[in-house]
Each structure stands twice: as C-alpha cells, then as structure tokens.
Amino acid sequence: MSEPRSPEAVHNRIATLRVDRGVTRRELADALGVHYQTVGYLERGEYAPSLHLALRIAAYFDVPLEFVFSLEPFPRIGPG
C-alpha cells in the first residue's frame, strides 16, 4: 500500500547522494551557502527547495535535476 501523497510533496535523493559521495551535511551546507539544518530538512522532505537551490544541489553533485528531485517517490534500492 502506498503512502498518501501531498500534491506539494517533492521527493529527493540528497541523503543518498551525500552519503555515497562521503559528504557531511555541514560540508554540503557550506558548499550551498545554507545552514546545515536546512540540509536535514531537505533530506527528510520537510522543506522543498527553491528552484535556484535545487539547481545548485544538482550542480554540486554533477547530476541532472531530475536525478535528485521528483514529484513521485523514488523506488527503494535493495531489500524492501
């Protein structure tokens, strides 16, 4: 059964990308010019970034915007 989805929900892979690249929340925040708690809010889906911030996040990880953000939940990787 799927979770109810807010029409405003923005899903992301920030935490996965950050951990895969060995980057701390503070390091990512410093690179983006935001508070480290903002990165936590973004990762948990408690805050949807501005378009400008979303583009900067994608550029930081050198991936397309659609690889980081989606209006639909990303499929789980590995055993569910």
PDB file of N, CA and C in Angstrom:
ATOM      1  N   MET A   1       0.839  -1.167   0.000  1.00  0.00           N
ATOM      2  CA  MET A   1       0.000   0.000   0.000  1.00  0.00           C
ATOM      3  C   MET A   1       0.892   1.241   0.000  1.00  0.00           C
ATOM      4  N   SER A   2       0.569   2.204  -0.866  1.00  0.00           N
ATOM      5  CA  SER A   2       1.403   3.404  -0.943  1.00  0.00           C
ATOM      6  C   SER A   2       0.936   4.449   0.048  1.00  0.00           C
ATOM      7  N   GLU A   3       1.874   5.335   0.400  1.00  0.00           N
ATOM      8  CA  GLU A   3       1.571   6.408   1.337  1.00  0.00           C
ATOM      9  C   GLU A   3       0.731   7.464   0.639  1.00  0.00           C
ATOM     10  N   PRO A   4      -0.169   8.133   1.367  1.00  0.00           N
ATOM     11  CA  PRO A   4      -0.862   9.245   0.746  1.00  0.00           C
ATOM     12  C   PRO A   4       0.157  10.316   0.386  1.00  0.00           C
ATOM     13  N   ARG A   5      -0.048  10.955  -0.741  1.00  0.00           N
ATOM     14  CA  ARG A   5       0.929  11.905  -1.242  1.00  0.00           C
ATOM     15  C   ARG A   5       0.327  13.295  -1.276  1.00  0.00           C
ATOM     16  N   SER A   6       1.034  14.228  -0.695  1.00  0.00           N
ATOM     17  CA  SER A   6       0.632  15.621  -0.754  1.00  0.00           C
ATOM     18  C   SER A   6       0.867  16.123  -2.173  1.00  0.00           C
ATOM     19  N   PRO A   7      -0.039  16.941  -2.714  1.00  0.00           N
ATOM     20  CA  PRO A   7       0.188  17.461  -4.062  1.00  0.00           C
ATOM     21  C   PRO A   7       1.419  18.362  -4.134  1.00  0.00           C
ATOM     22  N   GLU A   8       1.887  18.839  -2.984  1.00  0.00           N
ATOM     23  CA  GLU A   8       3.057  19.710  -2.939  1.00  0.00           C
ATOM     24  C   GLU A   8       4.346  18.948  -2.611  1.00  0.00           C
ATOM     25  N   ALA A   9       4.261  17.632  -2.412  1.00  0.00           N
ATOM     26  CA  ALA A   9       5.429  16.855  -1.998  1.00  0.00           C
ATOM     27  C   ALA A   9       6.504  16.851  -3.086  1.00  0.00           C
ATOM     28  N   VAL A  10       7.745  17.058  -2.648  1.00  0.00           N
ATOM     29  CA  VAL A  10       8.900  16.958  -3.530  1.00  0.00           C
ATOM     30  C   VAL A  10       9.823  15.917  -2.902  1.00  0.00           C
ATOM     31  N   HIS A  11      10.062  14.842  -3.633  1.00  0.00           N
ATOM     32  CA  HIS A  11      10.924  13.766  -3.148  1.00  0.00           C
ATOM     33  C   HIS A  11      12.337  14.015  -3.663  1.00  0.00           C
ATOM     34  N   ASN A  12      13.323  13.533  -2.900  1.00  0.00           N
ATOM     35  CA  ASN A  12      14.703  13.774  -3.324  1.00  0.00           C
ATOM     36  C   ASN A  12      15.628  12.640  -2.909  1.00  0.00           C
ATOM     37  N   ARG A  13      16.790  12.659  -3.528  1.00  0.00           N
ATOM     38  CA  ARG A  13      17.859  11.693  -3.240  1.00  0.00           C
ATOM     39  C   ARG A  13      19.065  12.372  -2.605  1.00  0.00           C
ATOM     40  N   ILE A  14      18.873  13.485  -1.956  1.00  0.00           N
ATOM     41  CA  ILE A  14      20.001  14.234  -1.416  1.00  0.00           C
ATOM     42  C   ILE A  14      20.804  13.392  -0.428  1.00  0.00           C
ATOM     43  N   ALA A  15      20.127  12.745   0.518  1.00  0.00           N
ATOM     44  CA  ALA A  15      20.837  11.952   1.532  1.00  0.00           C
ATOM     45  C   ALA A  15      21.641  10.835   0.880  1.00  0.00           C
ATOM     46  N   THR A  16      21.045  10.147  -0.079  1.00  0.00           N
ATOM     47  CA  THR A  16      21.737   9.052  -0.759  1.00  0.00           C
ATOM     48  C   THR A  16      22.973   9.555  -1.486  1.00  0.00           C
ATOM     49  N   LEU A  17      22.814  10.643  -2.224  1.00  0.00           N
ATOM     50  CA  LEU A  17      23.956  11.211  -2.949  1.00  0.00           C
ATOM     51  C   LEU A  17      25.041  11.677  -1.986  1.00  0.00           C
ATOM     52  N   ARG A  18      24.619  12.326  -0.922  1.00  0.00           N
ATOM     53  CA  ARG A  18      25.575  12.864   0.048  1.00  0.00           C
ATOM     54  C   ARG A  18      26.386  11.741   0.688  1.00  0.00           C
ATOM     55  N   VAL A  19      25.709  10.688   1.133  1.00  0.00           N
ATOM     56  CA  VAL A  19      26.392   9.560   1.774  1.00  0.00           C
ATOM     57  C   VAL A  19      27.286   8.828   0.770  1.00  0.00           C
ATOM     58  N   ASP A  20      26.765   8.615  -0.446  1.00  0.00           N
ATOM     59  CA  ASP A  20      27.570   7.936  -1.479  1.00  0.00           C
ATOM     60  C   ASP A  20      28.856   8.687  -1.787  1.00  0.00           C
ATOM     61  N   ARG A  21      28.817  10.009  -1.692  1.00  0.00           N
ATOM     62  CA  ARG A  21      29.989  10.833  -2.014  1.00  0.00           C
ATOM     63  C   ARG A  21      30.845  11.132  -0.782  1.00  0.00           C
ATOM     64  N   GLY A  22      30.399  10.665   0.388  1.00  0.00           N
ATOM     65  CA  GLY A  22      31.178  10.878   1.601  1.00  0.00           C
ATOM     66  C   GLY A  22      31.189  12.323   2.059  1.00  0.00           C
ATOM     67  N   VAL A  23      30.076  13.008   1.867  1.00  0.00           N
ATOM     68  CA  VAL A  23      29.960  14.422   2.221  1.00  0.00           C
ATOM     69  C   VAL A  23      29.071  14.547   3.463  1.00  0.00           C
ATOM     70  N   THR A  24      29.485  15.337   4.436  1.00  0.00           N
ATOM     71  CA  THR A  24      28.653  15.558   5.619  1.00  0.00           C
ATOM     72  C   THR A  24      27.585  16.598   5.303  1.00  0.00           C
ATOM     73  N   ARG A  25      26.575  16.652   6.154  1.00  0.00           N
ATOM     74  CA  ARG A  25      25.549  17.685   5.986  1.00  0.00           C
ATOM     75  C   ARG A  25      26.167  19.070   6.060  1.00  0.00           C
ATOM     76  N   ARG A  26      27.087  19.237   6.984  1.00  0.00           N
ATOM     77  CA  ARG A  26      27.726  20.552   7.139  1.00  0.00           C
ATOM     78  C   ARG A  26      28.539  20.920   5.898  1.00  0.00           C
ATOM     79  N   GLU A  27      29.272  19.966   5.337  1.00  0.00           N
ATOM     80  CA  GLU A  27      30.053  20.243   4.120  1.00  0.00           C
ATOM     81  C   GLU A  27      29.143  20.636   2.958  1.00  0.00           C
ATOM     82  N   LEU A  28      28.046  19.908   2.797  1.00  0.00           N
ATOM     83  CA  LEU A  28      27.108  20.239   1.730  1.00  0.00           C
ATOM     84  C   LEU A  28      26.496  21.617   1.970  1.00  0.00           C
ATOM     85  N   ALA A  29      26.090  21.863   3.203  1.00  0.00           N
ATOM     86  CA  ALA A  29      25.505  23.163   3.542  1.00  0.00           C
ATOM     87  C   ALA A  29      26.482  24.300   3.248  1.00  0.00           C
ATOM     88  N   ASP A  30      27.735  24.135   3.641  1.00  0.00           N
ATOM     89  CA  ASP A  30      28.751  25.161   3.386  1.00  0.00           C
ATOM     90  C   ASP A  30      28.919  25.408   1.890  1.00  0.00           C
ATOM     91  N   ALA A  31      28.923  24.330   1.106  1.00  0.00           N
ATOM     92  CA  ALA A  31      29.086  24.462  -0.346  1.00  0.00           C
ATOM     93  C   ALA A  31      27.895  25.173  -0.983  1.00  0.00           C
ATOM     94  N   LEU A  32      26.717  24.985  -0.394  1.00  0.00           N
ATOM     95  CA  LEU A  32      25.495  25.576  -0.948  1.00  0.00           C
ATOM     96  C   LEU A  32      25.180  26.943  -0.361  1.00  0.00           C
ATOM     97  N   GLY A  33      25.858  27.290   0.736  1.00  0.00           N
ATOM     98  CA  GLY A  33      25.588  28.564   1.385  1.00  0.00           C
ATOM     99  C   GLY A  33      24.310  28.581   2.197  1.00  0.00           C
ATOM    100  N   VAL A  34      23.966  27.410   2.786  1.00  0.00           N
ATOM    101  CA  VAL A  34      22.785  27.306   3.644  1.00  0.00           C
ATOM    102  C   VAL A  34      23.198  26.753   5.002  1.00  0.00           C
ATOM    103  N   HIS A  35      22.306  26.825   5.965  1.00  0.00           N
ATOM    104  CA  HIS A  35      22.562  26.267   7.294  1.00  0.00           C
ATOM    105  C   HIS A  35      22.524  24.746   7.203  1.00  0.00           C
ATOM    106  N   TYR A  36      23.346  24.069   7.982  1.00  0.00           N
ATOM    107  CA  TYR A  36      23.386  22.602   7.903  1.00  0.00           C
ATOM    108  C   TYR A  36      22.039  21.976   8.248  1.00  0.00           C
ATOM    109  N   GLN A  37      21.242  22.632   9.103  1.00  0.00           N
ATOM    110  CA  GLN A  37      19.920  22.088   9.426  1.00  0.00           C
ATOM    111  C   GLN A  37      19.003  22.114   8.210  1.00  0.00           C
ATOM    112  N   THR A  38      19.218  23.058   7.319  1.00  0.00           N
ATOM    113  CA  THR A  38      18.423  23.118   6.087  1.00  0.00           C
ATOM    114  C   THR A  38      18.626  21.854   5.274  1.00  0.00           C
ATOM    115  N   VAL A  39      19.858  21.354   5.229  1.00  0.00           N
ATOM    116  CA  VAL A  39      20.136  20.117   4.502  1.00  0.00           C
ATOM    117  C   VAL A  39      19.337  18.968   5.118  1.00  0.00           C
ATOM    118  N   GLY A  40      19.278  18.897   6.442  1.00  0.00           N
ATOM    119  CA  GLY A  40      18.478  17.861   7.108  1.00  0.00           C
ATOM    120  C   GLY A  40      17.004  17.980   6.764  1.00  0.00           C
ATOM    121  N   TYR A  41      16.477  19.197   6.770  1.00  0.00           N
ATOM    122  CA  TYR A  41      15.065  19.414   6.407  1.00  0.00           C
ATOM    123  C   TYR A  41      14.805  18.978   4.973  1.00  0.00           C
ATOM    124  N   LEU A  42      15.739  19.305   4.085  1.00  0.00           N
ATOM    125  CA  LEU A  42      15.596  18.895   2.691  1.00  0.00           C
ATOM    126  C   LEU A  42      15.596  17.372   2.567  1.00  0.00           C
ATOM    127  N   GLU A  43      16.553  16.735   3.231  1.00  0.00           N
ATOM    128  CA  GLU A  43      16.672  15.272   3.132  1.00  0.00           C
ATOM    129  C   GLU A  43      15.425  14.565   3.640  1.00  0.00           C
ATOM    130  N   ARG A  44      14.825  15.094   4.672  1.00  0.00           N
ATOM    131  CA  ARG A  44      13.620  14.472   5.252  1.00  0.00           C
ATOM    132  C   ARG A  44      12.341  14.871   4.525  1.00  0.00           C
ATOM    133  N   GLY A  45      12.444  15.747   3.548  1.00  0.00           N
ATOM    134  CA  GLY A  45      11.267  16.181   2.811  1.00  0.00           C
ATOM    135  C   GLY A  45      10.409  17.164   3.585  1.00  0.00           C
ATOM    136  N   GLU A  46      10.993  17.790   4.616  1.00  0.00           N
ATOM    137  CA  GLU A  46      10.251  18.762   5.424  1.00  0.00           C
ATOM    138  C   GLU A  46      10.315  20.156   4.821  1.00  0.00           C
ATOM    139  N   TYR A  47      11.133  20.317   3.793  1.00  0.00           N
ATOM    140  CA  TYR A  47      11.329  21.613   3.163  1.00  0.00           C
ATOM    141  C   TYR A  47      11.586  21.370   1.686  1.00  0.00           C
ATOM    142  N   ALA A  48      10.833  22.051   0.829  1.00  0.00           N
ATOM    143  CA  ALA A  48      11.065  21.966  -0.610  1.00  0.00           C
ATOM    144  C   ALA A  48      11.949  23.142  -1.007  1.00  0.00           C
ATOM    145  N   PRO A  49      13.036  22.881  -1.700  1.00  0.00           N
ATOM    146  CA  PRO A  49      13.962  23.959  -2.040  1.00  0.00           C
ATOM    147  C   PRO A  49      13.402  24.869  -3.129  1.00  0.00           C
ATOM    148  N   SER A  50      13.914  26.076  -3.166  1.00  0.00           N
ATOM    149  CA  SER A  50      13.616  26.961  -4.292  1.00  0.00           C
ATOM    150  C   SER A  50      14.227  26.330  -5.544  1.00  0.00           C
ATOM    151  N   LEU A  51      13.793  26.780  -6.690  1.00  0.00           N
ATOM    152  CA  LEU A  51      14.372  26.279  -7.931  1.00  0.00           C
ATOM    153  C   LEU A  51      15.865  26.564  -7.972  1.00  0.00           C
ATOM    154  N   HIS A  52      16.250  27.736  -7.530  1.00  0.00           N
ATOM    155  CA  HIS A  52      17.665  28.114  -7.522  1.00  0.00           C
ATOM    156  C   HIS A  52      18.491  27.153  -6.664  1.00  0.00           C
ATOM    157  N   LEU A  53      18.002  26.851  -5.457  1.00  0.00           N
ATOM    158  CA  LEU A  53      18.721  25.932  -4.577  1.00  0.00           C
ATOM    159  C   LEU A  53      18.725  24.520  -5.160  1.00  0.00           C
ATOM    160  N   ALA A  54      17.614  24.087  -5.731  1.00  0.00           N
ATOM    161  CA  ALA A  54      17.549  22.749  -6.333  1.00  0.00           C
ATOM    162  C   ALA A  54      18.571  22.616  -7.457  1.00  0.00           C
ATOM    163  N   LEU A  55      18.692  23.650  -8.277  1.00  0.00           N
ATOM    164  CA  LEU A  55      19.668  23.618  -9.366  1.00  0.00           C
ATOM    165  C   LEU A  55      21.096  23.594  -8.826  1.00  0.00           C
ATOM    166  N   ARG A  56      21.354  24.332  -7.747  1.00  0.00           N
ATOM    167  CA  ARG A  56      22.688  24.336  -7.140  1.00  0.00           C
ATOM    168  C   ARG A  56      23.020  22.963  -6.554  1.00  0.00           C
ATOM    169  N   ILE A  57      22.021  22.301  -5.947  1.00  0.00           N
ATOM    170  CA  ILE A  57      22.248  20.955  -5.394  1.00  0.00           C
ATOM    171  C   ILE A  57      22.599  19.984  -6.520  1.00  0.00           C
ATOM    172  N   ALA A  58      21.833  20.003  -7.605  1.00  0.00           N
ATOM    173  CA  ALA A  58      22.109  19.119  -8.743  1.00  0.00           C
ATOM    174  C   ALA A  58      23.498  19.409  -9.319  1.00  0.00           C
ATOM    175  N   ALA A  59      23.846  20.683  -9.431  1.00  0.00           N
ATOM    176  CA  ALA A  59      25.163  21.049  -9.961  1.00  0.00           C
ATOM    177  C   ALA A  59      26.274  20.575  -9.024  1.00  0.00           C
ATOM    178  N   TYR A  60      26.055  20.688  -7.709  1.00  0.00           N
ATOM    179  CA  TYR A  60      27.060  20.248  -6.738  1.00  0.00           C
ATOM    180  C   TYR A  60      27.380  18.764  -6.932  1.00  0.00           C
ATOM    181  N   PHE A  61      26.332  17.956  -7.143  1.00  0.00           N
ATOM    182  CA  PHE A  61      26.536  16.515  -7.318  1.00  0.00           C
ATOM    183  C   PHE A  61      26.813  16.142  -8.781  1.00  0.00           C
ATOM    184  N   ASP A  62      26.776  17.146  -9.671  1.00  0.00           N
ATOM    185  CA  ASP A  62      27.043  16.940 -11.098  1.00  0.00           C
ATOM    186  C   ASP A  62      26.107  15.896 -11.711  1.00  0.00           C
ATOM    187  N   VAL A  63      24.815  16.056 -11.412  1.00  0.00           N
ATOM    188  CA  VAL A  63      23.784  15.173 -11.954  1.00  0.00           C
ATOM    189  C   VAL A  63      22.616  16.032 -12.437  1.00  0.00           C
ATOM    190  N   PRO A  64      21.763  15.485 -13.308  1.00  0.00           N
ATOM    191  CA  PRO A  64      20.590  16.233 -13.750  1.00  0.00           C
ATOM    192  C   PRO A  64      19.626  16.479 -12.587  1.00  0.00           C
ATOM    193  N   LEU A  65      18.903  17.570 -12.653  1.00  0.00           N
ATOM    194  CA  LEU A  65      17.937  17.924 -11.621  1.00  0.00           C
ATOM    195  C   LEU A  65      16.965  16.775 -11.342  1.00  0.00           C
ATOM    196  N   GLU A  66      16.510  16.094 -12.402  1.00  0.00           N
ATOM    197  CA  GLU A  66      15.545  15.005 -12.262  1.00  0.00           C
ATOM    198  C   GLU A  66      16.119  13.792 -11.549  1.00  0.00           C
ATOM    199  N   PHE A  67      17.447  13.715 -11.463  1.00  0.00           N
ATOM    200  CA  PHE A  67      18.075  12.614 -10.728  1.00  0.00           C
ATOM    201  C   PHE A  67      17.992  12.854  -9.231  1.00  0.00           C
ATOM    202  N   VAL A  68      17.914  14.123  -8.831  1.00  0.00           N
ATOM    203  CA  VAL A  68      17.882  14.478  -7.414  1.00  0.00           C
ATOM    204  C   VAL A  68      16.451  14.662  -6.915  1.00  0.00           C
ATOM    205  N   PHE A  69      15.595  15.264  -7.724  1.00  0.00           N
ATOM    206  CA  PHE A  69      14.243  15.621  -7.288  1.00  0.00           C
ATOM    207  C   PHE A  69      13.175  14.997  -8.172  1.00  0.00           C
ATOM    208  N   SER A  70      12.033  14.675  -7.547  1.00  0.00           N
ATOM    209  CA  SER A  70      10.915  14.083  -8.279  1.00  0.00           C
ATOM    210  C   SER A  70       9.609  14.398  -7.558  1.00  0.00           C
ATOM    211  N   LEU A  71       8.537  14.455  -8.321  1.00  0.00           N
ATOM    212  CA  LEU A  71       7.214  14.610  -7.718  1.00  0.00           C
ATOM    213  C   LEU A  71       6.667  13.265  -7.250  1.00  0.00           C
ATOM    214  N   GLU A  72       7.257  12.183  -7.724  1.00  0.00           N
ATOM    215  CA  GLU A  72       6.886  10.832  -7.312  1.00  0.00           C
ATOM    216  C   GLU A  72       7.995  10.259  -6.437  1.00  0.00           C
ATOM    217  N   PRO A  73       7.657   9.396  -5.483  1.00  0.00           N
ATOM    218  CA  PRO A  73       8.705   8.774  -4.647  1.00  0.00           C
ATOM    219  C   PRO A  73       9.660   7.956  -5.517  1.00  0.00           C
ATOM    220  N   PHE A  74      10.926   7.979  -5.154  1.00  0.00           N
ATOM    221  CA  PHE A  74      11.918   7.169  -5.874  1.00  0.00           C
ATOM    222  C   PHE A  74      11.757   5.719  -5.405  1.00  0.00           C
ATOM    223  N   PRO A  75      11.987   4.746  -6.308  1.00  0.00           N
ATOM    224  CA  PRO A  75      11.915   3.349  -5.874  1.00  0.00           C
ATOM    225  C   PRO A  75      13.027   3.042  -4.880  1.00  0.00           C
ATOM    226  N   ARG A  76      12.737   2.158  -3.937  1.00  0.00           N
ATOM    227  CA  ARG A  76      13.742   1.753  -2.947  1.00  0.00           C
ATOM    228  C   ARG A  76      14.793   0.898  -3.632  1.00  0.00           C
ATOM    229  N   ILE A  77      16.011   1.024  -3.149  1.00  0.00           N
ATOM    230  CA  ILE A  77      17.125   0.214  -3.655  1.00  0.00           C
ATOM    231  C   ILE A  77      17.422  -0.851  -2.624  1.00  0.00           C
ATOM    232  N   GLY A  78      17.565  -2.085  -3.083  1.00  0.00           N
ATOM    233  CA  GLY A  78      17.892  -3.173  -2.161  1.00  0.00           C
ATOM    234  C   GLY A  78      16.648  -3.785  -1.553  1.00  0.00           C
ATOM    235  N   PRO A  79      16.826  -4.637  -0.540  1.00  0.00           N
ATOM    236  CA  PRO A  79      15.692  -5.318   0.073  1.00  0.00           C
ATOM    237  C   PRO A  79      14.728  -4.320   0.702  1.00  0.00           C
ATOM    238  N   GLY A  80      13.453  -4.528   0.455  1.00  0.00           N
ATOM    239  CA  GLY A  80      12.451  -3.585   0.953  1.00  0.00           C
ATOM    240  C   GLY A  80      11.900  -4.065   2.209  1.00  0.00           C
TER     241      GLY A  80
END
